[in-house]
């Protein structure tokens, strides 16, 4: 039998998933993204999440390179 979001609508979430939705330290963005992902096909949701992680890591790397370049250029000037 194929399971999709409609089949699993009333299926209880795993405890870690439940905990993240009620965790006060979790951002509203994360909670909304998790709720949205749980309504989707889990394979599609995971694939999209992996792309999001890769993109955010590339973004962080670019910001860090700019920050490090800014510091290095200031040191070279003195």
Protein backbone atom coordinates (compact mmCIF):
# COMPACT_ATOMS: atom_id res chain seq x y z
CA UNK A 1 0.00 0.00 0.00
CA UNK A 2 1.27 3.48 -0.89
CA UNK A 3 1.27 6.01 1.91
CA UNK A 4 0.89 9.70 1.25
CA UNK A 5 0.07 12.73 3.37
CA UNK A 6 -3.66 12.04 3.16
CA UNK A 7 -3.19 8.48 4.45
CA UNK A 8 -1.05 9.69 7.34
CA UNK A 9 -3.11 12.73 8.37
CA UNK A 10 -4.28 11.12 11.61
CA UNK A 11 -1.08 9.12 12.19
CA UNK A 12 0.66 10.28 15.37
CA UNK A 13 3.90 12.15 14.87
CA UNK A 14 7.09 10.83 16.34
CA UNK A 15 7.92 12.28 19.76
CA UNK A 16 10.81 14.40 18.37
CA UNK A 17 8.45 15.94 15.81
CA UNK A 18 5.89 16.73 18.48
CA UNK A 19 8.57 18.15 20.74
CA UNK A 20 9.81 20.53 18.05
CA UNK A 21 6.31 21.87 17.43
CA UNK A 22 5.85 22.82 21.10
CA UNK A 23 9.46 23.80 21.83
CA UNK A 24 9.47 27.48 22.80
CA UNK A 25 13.06 27.85 21.59
CA UNK A 26 12.15 26.66 18.07
CA UNK A 27 11.47 29.53 15.72
CA UNK A 28 8.03 30.13 14.28
CA UNK A 29 9.62 29.69 10.84
CA UNK A 30 10.87 26.20 11.75
CA UNK A 31 7.53 25.17 13.24
CA UNK A 32 5.65 26.39 10.15
CA UNK A 33 8.09 24.62 7.84
CA UNK A 34 7.73 21.39 9.82
CA UNK A 35 3.93 21.57 9.80
CA UNK A 36 4.01 22.20 6.06
CA UNK A 37 6.47 19.38 5.42
CA UNK A 38 4.37 16.91 7.39
CA UNK A 39 1.46 17.58 5.01
CA UNK A 40 3.58 16.56 2.01
CA UNK A 41 4.94 13.37 0.58
CA UNK A 42 7.85 12.57 2.93
CA UNK A 43 10.30 11.83 0.10
CA UNK A 44 9.55 15.15 -1.62
CA UNK A 45 9.72 17.01 1.69
CA UNK A 46 13.09 15.47 2.56
CA UNK A 47 14.51 16.17 -0.90
CA UNK A 48 13.45 19.81 -0.62
CA UNK A 49 14.86 20.04 2.92
CA UNK A 50 18.21 18.71 1.73
CA UNK A 51 18.30 21.31 -1.05
CA UNK A 52 17.43 23.99 1.52
CA UNK A 53 20.27 22.86 3.81
CA UNK A 54 22.76 22.86 0.91
CA UNK A 55 21.65 26.34 -0.17
CA UNK A 56 21.83 27.74 3.38
CA UNK A 57 25.32 26.24 3.88
CA UNK A 58 26.48 27.88 0.64
CA UNK A 59 24.95 31.17 1.82
CA UNK A 60 26.71 30.91 5.19
CA UNK A 61 30.02 30.09 3.51
CA UNK A 62 29.67 33.13 1.24
CA UNK A 63 28.87 35.42 4.20
CA UNK A 64 31.84 34.04 6.15
CA UNK A 65 34.16 34.52 3.17
CA UNK A 66 33.01 38.13 2.85
CA UNK A 67 33.47 38.71 6.58
CA UNK A 68 36.93 37.13 6.56
CA UNK A 69 37.90 39.08 3.45
CA UNK A 70 36.78 42.27 5.10
CA UNK A 71 38.90 41.57 8.16
CA UNK A 72 41.94 40.54 6.11
CA UNK A 73 41.73 43.65 3.94
CA UNK A 74 41.62 45.85 7.07
CA UNK A 75 44.69 44.10 8.49
CA UNK A 76 46.59 44.47 5.19
CA UNK A 77 45.91 48.23 5.15
CA UNK A 78 47.76 48.78 8.44
